[in-house]
Amino acid sequence: MYVVAAIATQLPDDSPSSVVRTVTAQLAELKRQHRDEVQALRQALEAAQSENLELRRRLGPRHTTRPETS
C-alpha cells in the first residue's frame, strides 16, 4: 500500500495518536477507493443490462425464453 508508506514517512512519531491518525487516513483512502470501484462496477452493470435489454428487443418476443413450470 503506497498510502501507508506515504503517511508513515510523514509521521515519524510512534505515539498512539500518530498511529490512530495513520490508520484513520488509511481507512479513509480505502473507503474512497472502494466507493470508486463500486461506482465503476455499477455503471458497467447498468451498461450491460441496457445492452442485454436492447438485444432482447431486437430478437423479438418469440425468441425470449420462458421459465419452465412443473
N, C-alpha and C. Protein backbone atom coordinates (compact mmCIF):
# COMPACT_ATOMS: atom_id res chain seq x y z
N MET A 1 0.83 -1.17 0.00
CA MET A 1 0.00 0.00 0.00
C MET A 1 0.88 1.24 0.00
N TYR A 2 0.76 2.00 -1.04
CA TYR A 2 1.57 3.20 -1.16
C TYR A 2 1.12 4.27 -0.18
N VAL A 3 -0.15 4.30 0.13
CA VAL A 3 -0.68 5.29 1.06
C VAL A 3 -0.06 5.10 2.43
N VAL A 4 0.10 3.87 2.83
CA VAL A 4 0.67 3.56 4.14
C VAL A 4 2.08 4.11 4.24
N ALA A 5 2.89 3.86 3.23
CA ALA A 5 4.28 4.32 3.25
C ALA A 5 4.34 5.84 3.25
N ALA A 6 3.49 6.48 2.46
CA ALA A 6 3.49 7.94 2.38
C ALA A 6 3.10 8.56 3.71
N ILE A 7 2.09 8.01 4.35
CA ILE A 7 1.64 8.55 5.62
C ILE A 7 2.65 8.26 6.72
N ALA A 8 3.21 7.06 6.69
CA ALA A 8 4.19 6.69 7.72
C ALA A 8 5.43 7.58 7.66
N THR A 9 5.83 7.99 6.47
CA THR A 9 7.01 8.86 6.36
C THR A 9 6.69 10.27 6.83
N GLN A 10 5.43 10.66 6.78
CA GLN A 10 5.04 11.99 7.23
C GLN A 10 4.94 12.07 8.75
N LEU A 11 4.73 10.95 9.40
CA LEU A 11 4.53 10.93 10.85
C LEU A 11 5.63 10.09 11.52
N PRO A 12 6.77 10.69 11.82
CA PRO A 12 7.86 9.92 12.40
C PRO A 12 7.58 9.48 13.84
N ASP A 13 6.71 10.19 14.53
CA ASP A 13 6.39 9.88 15.92
C ASP A 13 5.54 8.61 15.98
N ASP A 14 5.91 7.68 16.85
CA ASP A 14 5.14 6.45 17.01
C ASP A 14 4.19 6.51 18.20
N SER A 15 3.80 7.69 18.57
CA SER A 15 2.87 7.82 19.69
C SER A 15 1.51 7.27 19.28
N PRO A 16 0.70 6.89 20.25
CA PRO A 16 -0.62 6.33 19.92
C PRO A 16 -1.47 7.25 19.05
N SER A 17 -1.38 8.55 19.27
CA SER A 17 -2.20 9.46 18.47
C SER A 17 -1.75 9.48 17.01
N SER A 18 -0.46 9.37 16.76
CA SER A 18 0.01 9.35 15.37
C SER A 18 -0.37 8.04 14.68
N VAL A 19 -0.38 6.96 15.44
CA VAL A 19 -0.80 5.67 14.88
C VAL A 19 -2.28 5.73 14.52
N VAL A 20 -3.08 6.31 15.39
CA VAL A 20 -4.51 6.45 15.12
C VAL A 20 -4.73 7.32 13.89
N ARG A 21 -3.99 8.42 13.79
CA ARG A 21 -4.13 9.29 12.60
C ARG A 21 -3.74 8.54 11.34
N THR A 22 -2.68 7.75 11.41
CA THR A 22 -2.22 6.99 10.26
C THR A 22 -3.28 5.98 9.82
N VAL A 23 -3.79 5.22 10.76
CA VAL A 23 -4.80 4.20 10.44
C VAL A 23 -6.08 4.87 9.95
N THR A 24 -6.46 5.97 10.54
CA THR A 24 -7.66 6.69 10.11
C THR A 24 -7.51 7.18 8.67
N ALA A 25 -6.34 7.71 8.34
CA ALA A 25 -6.09 8.18 6.97
C ALA A 25 -6.11 7.00 5.99
N GLN A 26 -5.52 5.89 6.38
CA GLN A 26 -5.53 4.70 5.53
C GLN A 26 -6.94 4.21 5.29
N LEU A 27 -7.72 4.18 6.35
CA LEU A 27 -9.11 3.73 6.23
C LEU A 27 -9.91 4.66 5.32
N ALA A 28 -9.72 5.94 5.44
CA ALA A 28 -10.42 6.90 4.59
C ALA A 28 -10.05 6.68 3.12
N GLU A 29 -8.78 6.43 2.85
CA GLU A 29 -8.34 6.19 1.47
C GLU A 29 -8.93 4.89 0.94
N LEU A 30 -8.93 3.86 1.75
CA LEU A 30 -9.51 2.58 1.31
C LEU A 30 -11.01 2.71 1.06
N LYS A 31 -11.70 3.46 1.89
CA LYS A 31 -13.13 3.69 1.68
C LYS A 31 -13.37 4.44 0.37
N ARG A 32 -12.52 5.43 0.08
CA ARG A 32 -12.66 6.18 -1.17
C ARG A 32 -12.43 5.26 -2.37
N GLN A 33 -11.38 4.45 -2.30
CA GLN A 33 -11.10 3.51 -3.39
C GLN A 33 -12.26 2.54 -3.58
N HIS A 34 -12.78 2.02 -2.49
CA HIS A 34 -13.90 1.08 -2.57
C HIS A 34 -15.12 1.74 -3.19
N ARG A 35 -15.42 2.95 -2.76
CA ARG A 35 -16.57 3.69 -3.31
C ARG A 35 -16.40 3.90 -4.81
N ASP A 36 -15.20 4.27 -5.25
CA ASP A 36 -14.93 4.48 -6.67
C ASP A 36 -15.08 3.18 -7.46
N GLU A 37 -14.57 2.07 -6.90
CA GLU A 37 -14.67 0.79 -7.58
C GLU A 37 -16.11 0.32 -7.68
N VAL A 38 -16.87 0.48 -6.61
CA VAL A 38 -18.28 0.08 -6.63
C VAL A 38 -19.06 0.91 -7.65
N GLN A 39 -18.77 2.20 -7.71
CA GLN A 39 -19.44 3.06 -8.68
C GLN A 39 -19.12 2.62 -10.11
N ALA A 40 -17.87 2.30 -10.39
CA ALA A 40 -17.48 1.85 -11.73
C ALA A 40 -18.16 0.52 -12.06
N LEU A 41 -18.24 -0.38 -11.10
CA LEU A 41 -18.91 -1.66 -11.33
C LEU A 41 -20.41 -1.48 -11.57
N ARG A 42 -21.02 -0.58 -10.83
CA ARG A 42 -22.46 -0.33 -11.04
C ARG A 42 -22.72 0.26 -12.42
N GLN A 43 -21.85 1.16 -12.85
CA GLN A 43 -22.01 1.74 -14.18
C GLN A 43 -21.84 0.68 -15.27
N ALA A 44 -20.86 -0.23 -15.08
CA ALA A 44 -20.65 -1.30 -16.05
C ALA A 44 -21.85 -2.25 -16.08
N LEU A 45 -22.38 -2.56 -14.91
CA LEU A 45 -23.56 -3.43 -14.83
C LEU A 45 -24.75 -2.78 -15.51
N GLU A 46 -24.94 -1.50 -15.27
CA GLU A 46 -26.05 -0.78 -15.90
C GLU A 46 -25.92 -0.81 -17.42
N ALA A 47 -24.71 -0.59 -17.92
CA ALA A 47 -24.47 -0.61 -19.37
C ALA A 47 -24.73 -2.00 -19.93
N ALA A 48 -24.30 -3.04 -19.23
CA ALA A 48 -24.50 -4.42 -19.70
C ALA A 48 -25.99 -4.77 -19.70
N GLN A 49 -26.71 -4.36 -18.67
CA GLN A 49 -28.14 -4.64 -18.61
C GLN A 49 -28.89 -3.91 -19.72
N SER A 50 -28.47 -2.69 -20.00
CA SER A 50 -29.09 -1.92 -21.08
C SER A 50 -28.84 -2.59 -22.42
N GLU A 51 -27.62 -3.05 -22.63
CA GLU A 51 -27.29 -3.73 -23.89
C GLU A 51 -28.07 -5.03 -24.00
N ASN A 52 -28.19 -5.76 -22.91
CA ASN A 52 -28.94 -7.00 -22.90
C ASN A 52 -30.41 -6.75 -23.26
N LEU A 53 -30.99 -5.71 -22.68
CA LEU A 53 -32.38 -5.36 -22.98
C LEU A 53 -32.55 -5.00 -24.45
N GLU A 54 -31.61 -4.23 -24.98
CA GLU A 54 -31.68 -3.84 -26.39
C GLU A 54 -31.59 -5.07 -27.30
N LEU A 55 -30.72 -6.00 -26.98
CA LEU A 55 -30.58 -7.21 -27.79
C LEU A 55 -31.85 -8.06 -27.71
N ARG A 56 -32.47 -8.15 -26.53
CA ARG A 56 -33.72 -8.91 -26.41
C ARG A 56 -34.83 -8.27 -27.23
N ARG A 57 -34.86 -6.95 -27.24
CA ARG A 57 -35.89 -6.26 -28.03
C ARG A 57 -35.68 -6.51 -29.51
N ARG A 58 -34.43 -6.57 -29.95
CA ARG A 58 -34.15 -6.84 -31.36
C ARG A 58 -34.57 -8.25 -31.76
N LEU A 59 -34.41 -9.20 -30.84
CA LEU A 59 -34.79 -10.58 -31.15
C LEU A 59 -36.30 -10.74 -31.29
N GLY A 60 -37.04 -9.98 -30.55
CA GLY A 60 -38.49 -10.08 -30.62
C GLY A 60 -39.03 -11.05 -29.60
N PRO A 61 -40.37 -11.09 -29.46
CA PRO A 61 -41.00 -11.88 -28.40
C PRO A 61 -40.88 -13.39 -28.58
N ARG A 62 -40.75 -13.89 -29.81
CA ARG A 62 -40.72 -15.34 -29.96
C ARG A 62 -39.38 -15.95 -29.61
N HIS A 63 -38.35 -15.14 -29.46
CA HIS A 63 -37.03 -15.66 -29.11
C HIS A 63 -36.71 -15.53 -27.63
N THR A 64 -37.60 -14.99 -26.88
CA THR A 64 -37.35 -14.88 -25.44
C THR A 64 -37.68 -16.20 -24.78
N THR A 65 -36.91 -16.57 -23.80
CA THR A 65 -37.16 -17.84 -23.13
C THR A 65 -38.09 -17.63 -21.96
N ARG A 66 -38.93 -18.61 -21.72
CA ARG A 66 -39.86 -18.57 -20.60
C ARG A 66 -39.38 -19.58 -19.57
N PRO A 67 -39.53 -19.26 -18.30
CA PRO A 67 -39.13 -20.23 -17.27
C PRO A 67 -40.03 -21.46 -17.34
N GLU A 68 -39.43 -22.62 -17.14
CA GLU A 68 -40.21 -23.86 -17.16
C GLU A 68 -41.00 -23.98 -15.88
N THR A 69 -42.24 -24.44 -16.01
CA THR A 69 -43.09 -24.65 -14.84
C THR A 69 -43.33 -26.13 -14.67
N SER A 70 -43.38 -26.59 -13.45
CA SER A 70 -43.59 -28.02 -13.18
C SER A 70 -45.03 -28.32 -12.94
